[in-house]
mmCIF file of all heavy atoms, coordinates in Angstrom:
data_MODEL
# 
_entry.id   MODEL 
# 
loop_
_atom_site.group_PDB 
_atom_site.id 
_atom_site.type_symbol 
_atom_site.label_atom_id 
_atom_site.label_alt_id 
_atom_site.label_comp_id 
_atom_site.label_asym_id 
_atom_site.label_entity_id 
_atom_site.label_seq_id 
_atom_site.pdbx_PDB_ins_code 
_atom_site.Cartn_x 
_atom_site.Cartn_y 
_atom_site.Cartn_z 
_atom_site.occupancy 
_atom_site.B_iso_or_equiv 
_atom_site.pdbx_formal_charge 
_atom_site.auth_seq_id 
_atom_site.auth_comp_id 
_atom_site.auth_asym_id 
_atom_site.auth_atom_id 
_atom_site.pdbx_PDB_model_num 
ATOM 1   N N   . VAL A 1 1  ? 90.957  92.325 116.744 1.00 0.00 ? 1  VAL A N   1 
ATOM 2   C CA  . VAL A 1 1  ? 92.025  93.244 116.326 1.00 0.00 ? 1  VAL A CA  1 
ATOM 3   C C   . VAL A 1 1  ? 93.228  92.449 115.822 1.00 0.00 ? 1  VAL A C   1 
ATOM 4   O O   . VAL A 1 1  ? 93.836  92.801 114.805 1.00 0.00 ? 1  VAL A O   1 
ATOM 5   C CB  . VAL A 1 1  ? 92.413  94.189 117.486 1.00 0.00 ? 1  VAL A CB  1 
ATOM 6   C CG1 . VAL A 1 1  ? 93.688  94.948 117.180 1.00 0.00 ? 1  VAL A CG1 1 
ATOM 7   C CG2 . VAL A 1 1  ? 91.275  95.166 117.770 1.00 0.00 ? 1  VAL A CG2 1 
ATOM 8   N N   . ILE A 1 2  ? 93.593  91.366 116.475 1.00 0.00 ? 2  ILE A N   1 
ATOM 9   C CA  . ILE A 1 2  ? 94.729  90.544 116.035 1.00 0.00 ? 2  ILE A CA  1 
ATOM 10  C C   . ILE A 1 2  ? 94.434  89.937 114.669 1.00 0.00 ? 2  ILE A C   1 
ATOM 11  O O   . ILE A 1 2  ? 95.285  89.957 113.776 1.00 0.00 ? 2  ILE A O   1 
ATOM 12  C CB  . ILE A 1 2  ? 95.029  89.441 117.081 1.00 0.00 ? 2  ILE A CB  1 
ATOM 13  C CG1 . ILE A 1 2  ? 95.624  90.084 118.344 1.00 0.00 ? 2  ILE A CG1 1 
ATOM 14  C CG2 . ILE A 1 2  ? 95.959  88.396 116.517 1.00 0.00 ? 2  ILE A CG2 1 
ATOM 15  C CD1 . ILE A 1 2  ? 95.782  89.133 119.524 1.00 0.00 ? 2  ILE A CD1 1 
ATOM 16  N N   . ILE A 1 3  ? 93.233  89.399 114.468 1.00 0.00 ? 3  ILE A N   1 
ATOM 17  C CA  . ILE A 1 3  ? 92.868  88.815 113.165 1.00 0.00 ? 3  ILE A CA  1 
ATOM 18  C C   . ILE A 1 3  ? 92.882  89.883 112.076 1.00 0.00 ? 3  ILE A C   1 
ATOM 19  O O   . ILE A 1 3  ? 93.418  89.678 110.991 1.00 0.00 ? 3  ILE A O   1 
ATOM 20  C CB  . ILE A 1 3  ? 91.499  88.112 113.264 1.00 0.00 ? 3  ILE A CB  1 
ATOM 21  C CG1 . ILE A 1 3  ? 91.630  86.855 114.128 1.00 0.00 ? 3  ILE A CG1 1 
ATOM 22  C CG2 . ILE A 1 3  ? 90.970  87.747 111.871 1.00 0.00 ? 3  ILE A CG2 1 
ATOM 23  C CD1 . ILE A 1 3  ? 90.311  86.182 114.442 1.00 0.00 ? 3  ILE A CD1 1 
ATOM 24  N N   . ALA A 1 4  ? 92.313  91.055 112.379 1.00 0.00 ? 4  ALA A N   1 
ATOM 25  C CA  . ALA A 1 4  ? 92.298  92.156 111.386 1.00 0.00 ? 4  ALA A CA  1 
ATOM 26  C C   . ALA A 1 4  ? 93.723  92.580 111.054 1.00 0.00 ? 4  ALA A C   1 
ATOM 27  O O   . ALA A 1 4  ? 94.047  92.839 109.869 1.00 0.00 ? 4  ALA A O   1 
ATOM 28  C CB  . ALA A 1 4  ? 91.500  93.325 111.918 1.00 0.00 ? 4  ALA A CB  1 
ATOM 29  N N   . GLY A 1 5  ? 94.598  92.649 112.049 1.00 0.00 ? 5  GLY A N   1 
ATOM 30  C CA  . GLY A 1 5  ? 95.993  93.000 111.794 1.00 0.00 ? 5  GLY A CA  1 
ATOM 31  C C   . GLY A 1 5  ? 96.697  91.970 110.915 1.00 0.00 ? 5  GLY A C   1 
ATOM 32  O O   . GLY A 1 5  ? 97.473  92.320 110.029 1.00 0.00 ? 5  GLY A O   1 
ATOM 33  N N   . SER A 1 6  ? 96.418  90.701 111.170 1.00 0.00 ? 6  SER A N   1 
ATOM 34  C CA  . SER A 1 6  ? 96.996  89.630 110.353 1.00 0.00 ? 6  SER A CA  1 
ATOM 35  C C   . SER A 1 6  ? 96.525  89.709 108.912 1.00 0.00 ? 6  SER A C   1 
ATOM 36  O O   . SER A 1 6  ? 97.304  89.585 107.968 1.00 0.00 ? 6  SER A O   1 
ATOM 37  C CB  . SER A 1 6  ? 96.645  88.253 110.921 1.00 0.00 ? 6  SER A CB  1 
ATOM 38  O OG  . SER A 1 6  ? 97.163  88.118 112.219 1.00 0.00 ? 6  SER A OG  1 
ATOM 39  N N   . VAL A 1 7  ? 95.239  89.938 108.722 1.00 0.00 ? 7  VAL A N   1 
ATOM 40  C CA  . VAL A 1 7  ? 94.679  90.056 107.367 1.00 0.00 ? 7  VAL A CA  1 
ATOM 41  C C   . VAL A 1 7  ? 95.282  91.280 106.669 1.00 0.00 ? 7  VAL A C   1 
ATOM 42  O O   . VAL A 1 7  ? 95.674  91.205 105.495 1.00 0.00 ? 7  VAL A O   1 
ATOM 43  C CB  . VAL A 1 7  ? 93.143  90.123 107.417 1.00 0.00 ? 7  VAL A CB  1 
ATOM 44  C CG1 . VAL A 1 7  ? 92.554  90.507 106.062 1.00 0.00 ? 7  VAL A CG1 1 
ATOM 45  C CG2 . VAL A 1 7  ? 92.573  88.784 107.871 1.00 0.00 ? 7  VAL A CG2 1 
ATOM 46  N N   . ALA A 1 8  ? 95.372  92.393 107.362 1.00 0.00 ? 8  ALA A N   1 
ATOM 47  C CA  . ALA A 1 8  ? 95.957  93.599 106.778 1.00 0.00 ? 8  ALA A CA  1 
ATOM 48  C C   . ALA A 1 8  ? 97.420  93.363 106.398 1.00 0.00 ? 8  ALA A C   1 
ATOM 49  O O   . ALA A 1 8  ? 97.875  93.801 105.327 1.00 0.00 ? 8  ALA A O   1 
ATOM 50  C CB  . ALA A 1 8  ? 95.833  94.778 107.744 1.00 0.00 ? 8  ALA A CB  1 
ATOM 51  N N   . GLY A 1 9  ? 98.177  92.662 107.243 1.00 0.00 ? 9  GLY A N   1 
ATOM 52  C CA  . GLY A 1 9  ? 99.566  92.362 106.917 1.00 0.00 ? 9  GLY A CA  1 
ATOM 53  C C   . GLY A 1 9  ? 99.689  91.488 105.687 1.00 0.00 ? 9  GLY A C   1 
ATOM 54  O O   . GLY A 1 9  ? 100.522 91.701 104.822 1.00 0.00 ? 9  GLY A O   1 
ATOM 55  N N   . ALA A 1 10 ? 98.826  90.479 105.614 1.00 0.00 ? 10 ALA A N   1 
ATOM 56  C CA  . ALA A 1 10 ? 98.846  89.583 104.444 1.00 0.00 ? 10 ALA A CA  1 
ATOM 57  C C   . ALA A 1 10 ? 98.471  90.352 103.180 1.00 0.00 ? 10 ALA A C   1 
ATOM 58  O O   . ALA A 1 10 ? 99.098  90.186 102.133 1.00 0.00 ? 10 ALA A O   1 
ATOM 59  C CB  . ALA A 1 10 ? 97.884  88.412 104.657 1.00 0.00 ? 10 ALA A CB  1 
ATOM 60  N N   . LEU A 1 11 ? 97.469  91.202 103.254 1.00 0.00 ? 11 LEU A N   1 
ATOM 61  C CA  . LEU A 1 11 ? 97.087  92.006 102.102 1.00 0.00 ? 11 LEU A CA  1 
ATOM 62  C C   . LEU A 1 11 ? 98.199  92.969 101.685 1.00 0.00 ? 11 LEU A C   1 
ATOM 63  O O   . LEU A 1 11 ? 98.444  93.163 100.483 1.00 0.00 ? 11 LEU A O   1 
ATOM 64  C CB  . LEU A 1 11 ? 95.797  92.775 102.387 1.00 0.00 ? 11 LEU A CB  1 
ATOM 65  C CG  . LEU A 1 11 ? 94.517  91.952 102.393 1.00 0.00 ? 11 LEU A CG  1 
ATOM 66  C CD1 . LEU A 1 11 ? 93.320  92.805 102.795 1.00 0.00 ? 11 LEU A CD1 1 
ATOM 67  C CD2 . LEU A 1 11 ? 94.258  91.322 101.022 1.00 0.00 ? 11 LEU A CD2 1 
ATOM 68  N N   . ALA A 1 12 ? 98.878  93.548 102.646 1.00 0.00 ? 12 ALA A N   1 
ATOM 69  C CA  . ALA A 1 12 ? 99.988  94.450 102.336 1.00 0.00 ? 12 ALA A CA  1 
ATOM 70  C C   . ALA A 1 12 ? 101.116 93.690 101.640 1.00 0.00 ? 12 ALA A C   1 
ATOM 71  O O   . ALA A 1 12 ? 101.684 94.180 100.652 1.00 0.00 ? 12 ALA A O   1 
ATOM 72  C CB  . ALA A 1 12 ? 100.507 95.115 103.601 1.00 0.00 ? 12 ALA A CB  1 
ATOM 73  N N   . TYR A 1 13 ? 101.402 92.488 102.083 1.00 0.00 ? 13 TYR A N   1 
ATOM 74  C CA  . TYR A 1 13 ? 102.451 91.665 101.457 1.00 0.00 ? 13 TYR A CA  1 
ATOM 75  C C   . TYR A 1 13 ? 102.068 91.318 100.017 1.00 0.00 ? 13 TYR A C   1 
ATOM 76  O O   . TYR A 1 13 ? 102.871 91.458 99.101  1.00 0.00 ? 13 TYR A O   1 
ATOM 77  C CB  . TYR A 1 13 ? 102.684 90.383 102.278 1.00 0.00 ? 13 TYR A CB  1 
ATOM 78  C CG  . TYR A 1 13 ? 103.629 89.439 101.603 1.00 0.00 ? 13 TYR A CG  1 
ATOM 79  C CD1 . TYR A 1 13 ? 105.014 89.651 101.641 1.00 0.00 ? 13 TYR A CD1 1 
ATOM 80  C CD2 . TYR A 1 13 ? 103.181 88.330 100.890 1.00 0.00 ? 13 TYR A CD2 1 
ATOM 81  C CE1 . TYR A 1 13 ? 105.902 88.812 100.999 1.00 0.00 ? 13 TYR A CE1 1 
ATOM 82  C CE2 . TYR A 1 13 ? 104.049 87.476 100.244 1.00 0.00 ? 13 TYR A CE2 1 
ATOM 83  C CZ  . TYR A 1 13 ? 105.418 87.717 100.305 1.00 0.00 ? 13 TYR A CZ  1 
ATOM 84  O OH  . TYR A 1 13 ? 106.282 86.888 99.670  1.00 0.00 ? 13 TYR A OH  1 
ATOM 85  N N   . VAL A 1 14 ? 100.832 90.862 99.816  1.00 0.00 ? 14 VAL A N   1 
ATOM 86  C CA  . VAL A 1 14 ? 100.373 90.485 98.477  1.00 0.00 ? 14 VAL A CA  1 
ATOM 87  C C   . VAL A 1 14 ? 100.389 91.706 97.553  1.00 0.00 ? 14 VAL A C   1 
ATOM 88  O O   . VAL A 1 14 ? 100.818 91.629 96.409  1.00 0.00 ? 14 VAL A O   1 
ATOM 89  C CB  . VAL A 1 14 ? 98.971  89.838 98.551  1.00 0.00 ? 14 VAL A CB  1 
ATOM 90  C CG1 . VAL A 1 14 ? 98.345  89.713 97.173  1.00 0.00 ? 14 VAL A CG1 1 
ATOM 91  C CG2 . VAL A 1 14 ? 99.057  88.477 99.236  1.00 0.00 ? 14 VAL A CG2 1 
ATOM 92  N N   . THR A 1 15 ? 99.920  92.845 98.062  1.00 0.00 ? 15 THR A N   1 
ATOM 93  C CA  . THR A 1 15 ? 99.908  94.065 97.251  1.00 0.00 ? 15 THR A CA  1 
ATOM 94  C C   . THR A 1 15 ? 101.322 94.484 96.863  1.00 0.00 ? 15 THR A C   1 
ATOM 95  O O   . THR A 1 15 ? 101.575 94.852 95.722  1.00 0.00 ? 15 THR A O   1 
ATOM 96  C CB  . THR A 1 15 ? 99.198  95.190 98.024  1.00 0.00 ? 15 THR A CB  1 
ATOM 97  O OG1 . THR A 1 15 ? 97.883  94.763 98.366  1.00 0.00 ? 15 THR A OG1 1 
ATOM 98  C CG2 . THR A 1 15 ? 99.131  96.462 97.207  1.00 0.00 ? 15 THR A CG2 1 
ATOM 99  N N   . ASN A 1 16 ? 102.234 94.431 97.800  1.00 0.00 ? 16 ASN A N   1 
ATOM 100 C CA  . ASN A 1 16 ? 103.637 94.776 97.532  1.00 0.00 ? 16 ASN A CA  1 
ATOM 101 C C   . ASN A 1 16 ? 104.240 93.817 96.504  1.00 0.00 ? 16 ASN A C   1 
ATOM 102 O O   . ASN A 1 16 ? 104.947 94.242 95.591  1.00 0.00 ? 16 ASN A O   1 
ATOM 103 C CB  . ASN A 1 16 ? 104.441 94.766 98.839  1.00 0.00 ? 16 ASN A CB  1 
ATOM 104 C CG  . ASN A 1 16 ? 105.820 95.325 98.649  1.00 0.00 ? 16 ASN A CG  1 
ATOM 105 O OD1 . ASN A 1 16 ? 106.017 96.292 97.913  1.00 0.00 ? 16 ASN A OD1 1 
ATOM 106 N ND2 . ASN A 1 16 ? 106.783 94.726 99.314  1.00 0.00 ? 16 ASN A ND2 1 
ATOM 107 N N   . ASP A 1 17 ? 103.971 92.531 96.660  1.00 0.00 ? 17 ASP A N   1 
ATOM 108 C CA  . ASP A 1 17 ? 104.485 91.529 95.719  1.00 0.00 ? 17 ASP A CA  1 
ATOM 109 C C   . ASP A 1 17 ? 103.921 91.760 94.317  1.00 0.00 ? 17 ASP A C   1 
ATOM 110 O O   . ASP A 1 17 ? 104.636 91.702 93.316  1.00 0.00 ? 17 ASP A O   1 
ATOM 111 C CB  . ASP A 1 17 ? 104.127 90.130 96.216  1.00 0.00 ? 17 ASP A CB  1 
ATOM 112 C CG  . ASP A 1 17 ? 104.800 89.030 95.403  1.00 0.00 ? 17 ASP A CG  1 
ATOM 113 O OD1 . ASP A 1 17 ? 106.007 89.159 95.146  1.00 0.00 ? 17 ASP A OD1 1 
ATOM 114 O OD2 . ASP A 1 17 ? 104.101 88.058 95.058  1.00 0.00 ? 17 ASP A OD2 1 
ATOM 115 N N   . LEU A 1 18 ? 102.640 92.068 94.223  1.00 0.00 ? 18 LEU A N   1 
ATOM 116 C CA  . LEU A 1 18 ? 101.997 92.350 92.957  1.00 0.00 ? 18 LEU A CA  1 
ATOM 117 C C   . LEU A 1 18 ? 102.588 93.613 92.312  1.00 0.00 ? 18 LEU A C   1 
ATOM 118 O O   . LEU A 1 18 ? 102.874 93.632 91.108  1.00 0.00 ? 18 LEU A O   1 
ATOM 119 C CB  . LEU A 1 18 ? 100.481 92.505 93.143  1.00 0.00 ? 18 LEU A CB  1 
ATOM 120 C CG  . LEU A 1 18 ? 99.652  92.746 91.914  1.00 0.00 ? 18 LEU A CG  1 
ATOM 121 C CD1 . LEU A 1 18 ? 99.780  91.575 90.943  1.00 0.00 ? 18 LEU A CD1 1 
ATOM 122 C CD2 . LEU A 1 18 ? 98.192  92.936 92.283  1.00 0.00 ? 18 LEU A CD2 1 
ATOM 123 N N   . ALA A 1 19 ? 102.806 94.632 93.110  1.00 0.00 ? 19 ALA A N   1 
ATOM 124 C CA  . ALA A 1 19 ? 103.395 95.878 92.583  1.00 0.00 ? 19 ALA A CA  1 
ATOM 125 C C   . ALA A 1 19 ? 104.814 95.644 92.060  1.00 0.00 ? 19 ALA A C   1 
ATOM 126 O O   . ALA A 1 19 ? 105.178 96.152 90.992  1.00 0.00 ? 19 ALA A O   1 
ATOM 127 C CB  . ALA A 1 19 ? 103.401 96.954 93.680  1.00 0.00 ? 19 ALA A CB  1 
ATOM 128 N N   . ASN A 1 20 ? 105.604 94.864 92.782  1.00 0.00 ? 20 ASN A N   1 
ATOM 129 C CA  . ASN A 1 20 ? 106.972 94.560 92.313  1.00 0.00 ? 20 ASN A CA  1 
ATOM 130 C C   . ASN A 1 20 ? 106.942 93.732 91.020  1.00 0.00 ? 20 ASN A C   1 
ATOM 131 O O   . ASN A 1 20 ? 107.749 93.975 90.119  1.00 0.00 ? 20 ASN A O   1 
ATOM 132 C CB  . ASN A 1 20 ? 107.754 93.814 93.396  1.00 0.00 ? 20 ASN A CB  1 
ATOM 133 C CG  . ASN A 1 20 ? 108.165 94.726 94.532  1.00 0.00 ? 20 ASN A CG  1 
ATOM 134 O OD1 . ASN A 1 20 ? 108.253 95.940 94.369  1.00 0.00 ? 20 ASN A OD1 1 
ATOM 135 N ND2 . ASN A 1 20 ? 108.389 94.140 95.691  1.00 0.00 ? 20 ASN A ND2 1 
ATOM 136 N N   . SER A 1 21 ? 106.020 92.791 90.924  1.00 0.00 ? 21 SER A N   1 
ATOM 137 C CA  . SER A 1 21 ? 105.892 91.983 89.717  1.00 0.00 ? 21 SER A CA  1 
ATOM 138 C C   . SER A 1 21 ? 105.504 92.862 88.524  1.00 0.00 ? 21 SER A C   1 
ATOM 139 O O   . SER A 1 21 ? 106.035 92.695 87.420  1.00 0.00 ? 21 SER A O   1 
ATOM 140 C CB  . SER A 1 21 ? 104.858 90.888 89.888  1.00 0.00 ? 21 SER A CB  1 
ATOM 141 O OG  . SER A 1 21 ? 105.287 89.970 90.866  1.00 0.00 ? 21 SER A OG  1 
ATOM 142 N N   . MET A 1 22 ? 104.592 93.790 88.733  1.00 0.00 ? 22 MET A N   1 
ATOM 143 C CA  . MET A 1 22 ? 104.172 94.696 87.660  1.00 0.00 ? 22 MET A CA  1 
ATOM 144 C C   . MET A 1 22 ? 105.324 95.600 87.234  1.00 0.00 ? 22 MET A C   1 
ATOM 145 O O   . MET A 1 22 ? 105.506 95.857 86.046  1.00 0.00 ? 22 MET A O   1 
ATOM 146 C CB  . MET A 1 22 ? 102.967 95.516 88.099  1.00 0.00 ? 22 MET A CB  1 
ATOM 147 C CG  . MET A 1 22 ? 101.701 94.698 88.217  1.00 0.00 ? 22 MET A CG  1 
ATOM 148 S SD  . MET A 1 22 ? 100.300 95.593 88.875  1.00 0.00 ? 22 MET A SD  1 
ATOM 149 C CE  . MET A 1 22 ? 100.047 96.824 87.644  1.00 0.00 ? 22 MET A CE  1 
ATOM 150 N N   . LYS A 1 23 ? 106.106 96.045 88.186  1.00 0.00 ? 23 LYS A N   1 
ATOM 151 C CA  . LYS A 1 23 ? 107.266 96.893 87.871  1.00 0.00 ? 23 LYS A CA  1 
ATOM 152 C C   . LYS A 1 23 ? 108.283 96.111 87.045  1.00 0.00 ? 23 LYS A C   1 
ATOM 153 O O   . LYS A 1 23 ? 108.790 96.613 86.021  1.00 0.00 ? 23 LYS A O   1 
ATOM 154 C CB  . LYS A 1 23 ? 107.914 97.384 89.170  1.00 0.00 ? 23 LYS A CB  1 
ATOM 155 C CG  . LYS A 1 23 ? 109.153 98.212 88.968  1.00 0.00 ? 23 LYS A CG  1 
ATOM 156 C CD  . LYS A 1 23 ? 109.766 98.583 90.308  1.00 0.00 ? 23 LYS A CD  1 
ATOM 157 C CE  . LYS A 1 23 ? 111.137 99.174 90.102  1.00 0.00 ? 23 LYS A CE  1 
ATOM 158 N NZ  . LYS A 1 23 ? 111.879 99.291 91.333  1.00 0.00 ? 23 LYS A NZ  1 
ATOM 159 N N   . ASP A 1 24 ? 108.593 94.868 87.443  1.00 0.00 ? 24 ASP A N   1 
ATOM 160 C CA  . ASP A 1 24 ? 109.537 94.034 86.694  1.00 0.00 ? 24 ASP A CA  1 
ATOM 161 C C   . ASP A 1 24 ? 109.015 93.753 85.291  1.00 0.00 ? 24 ASP A C   1 
ATOM 162 O O   . ASP A 1 24 ? 109.760 93.826 84.317  1.00 0.00 ? 24 ASP A O   1 
ATOM 163 C CB  . ASP A 1 24 ? 109.777 92.705 87.422  1.00 0.00 ? 24 ASP A CB  1 
ATOM 164 C CG  . ASP A 1 24 ? 110.517 92.886 88.731  1.00 0.00 ? 24 ASP A CG  1 
ATOM 165 O OD1 . ASP A 1 24 ? 111.091 93.976 88.941  1.00 0.00 ? 24 ASP A OD1 1 
ATOM 166 O OD2 . ASP A 1 24 ? 110.512 91.944 89.547  1.00 0.00 ? 24 ASP A OD2 1 
ATOM 167 N N   . ARG A 1 25 ? 107.737 93.463 85.157  1.00 0.00 ? 25 ARG A N   1 
ATOM 168 C CA  . ARG A 1 25 ? 107.147 93.193 83.852  1.00 0.00 ? 25 ARG A CA  1 
ATOM 169 C C   . ARG A 1 25 ? 107.184 94.438 82.973  1.00 0.00 ? 25 ARG A C   1 
ATOM 170 O O   . ARG A 1 25 ? 107.465 94.358 81.783  1.00 0.00 ? 25 ARG A O   1 
ATOM 171 C CB  . ARG A 1 25 ? 105.700 92.723 84.044  1.00 0.00 ? 25 ARG A CB  1 
ATOM 172 C CG  . ARG A 1 25 ? 104.988 92.385 82.790  1.00 0.00 ? 25 ARG A CG  1 
ATOM 173 C CD  . ARG A 1 25 ? 105.344 91.015 82.324  1.00 0.00 ? 25 ARG A CD  1 
ATOM 174 N NE  . ARG A 1 25 ? 104.427 90.661 81.270  1.00 0.00 ? 25 ARG A NE  1 
ATOM 175 C CZ  . ARG A 1 25 ? 104.688 89.782 80.370  1.00 0.00 ? 25 ARG A CZ  1 
ATOM 176 N NH1 . ARG A 1 25 ? 105.826 89.124 80.393  1.00 0.00 ? 25 ARG A NH1 1 
ATOM 177 N NH2 . ARG A 1 25 ? 103.842 89.494 79.443  1.00 0.00 ? 25 ARG A NH2 1 
ATOM 178 N N   . GLY A 1 26 ? 106.928 95.596 83.556  1.00 0.00 ? 26 GLY A N   1 
ATOM 179 C CA  . GLY A 1 26 ? 107.004 96.842 82.809  1.00 0.00 ? 26 GLY A CA  1 
ATOM 180 C C   . GLY A 1 26 ? 108.408 97.132 82.329  1.00 0.00 ? 26 GLY A C   1 
ATOM 181 O O   . GLY A 1 26 ? 108.610 97.596 81.195  1.00 0.00 ? 26 GLY A O   1 
ATOM 182 N N   . THR A 1 27 ? 109.396 96.856 83.163  1.00 0.00 ? 27 THR A N   1 
ATOM 183 C CA  . THR A 1 27 ? 110.791 97.046 82.763  1.00 0.00 ? 27 THR A CA  1 
ATOM 184 C C   . THR A 1 27 ? 111.163 96.115 81.616  1.00 0.00 ? 27 THR A C   1 
ATOM 185 O O   . THR A 1 27 ? 111.804 96.535 80.648  1.00 0.00 ? 27 THR A O   1 
ATOM 186 C CB  . THR A 1 27 ? 111.726 96.798 83.975  1.00 0.00 ? 27 THR A CB  1 
ATOM 187 O OG1 . THR A 1 27 ? 111.388 97.694 85.014  1.00 0.00 ? 27 THR A OG1 1 
ATOM 188 C CG2 . THR A 1 27 ? 113.187 96.978 83.598  1.00 0.00 ? 27 THR A CG2 1 
# 
C-alpha cells in the first residue's frame, strides 16, 4: 500500500506538471 501510494503520488505530480506545461504552451 505504501509503494502504491508513492507511485500514485509521483504519477499525480507528473500529470499535473504535464497539464500545466500544456496550458502554458497553449497560451
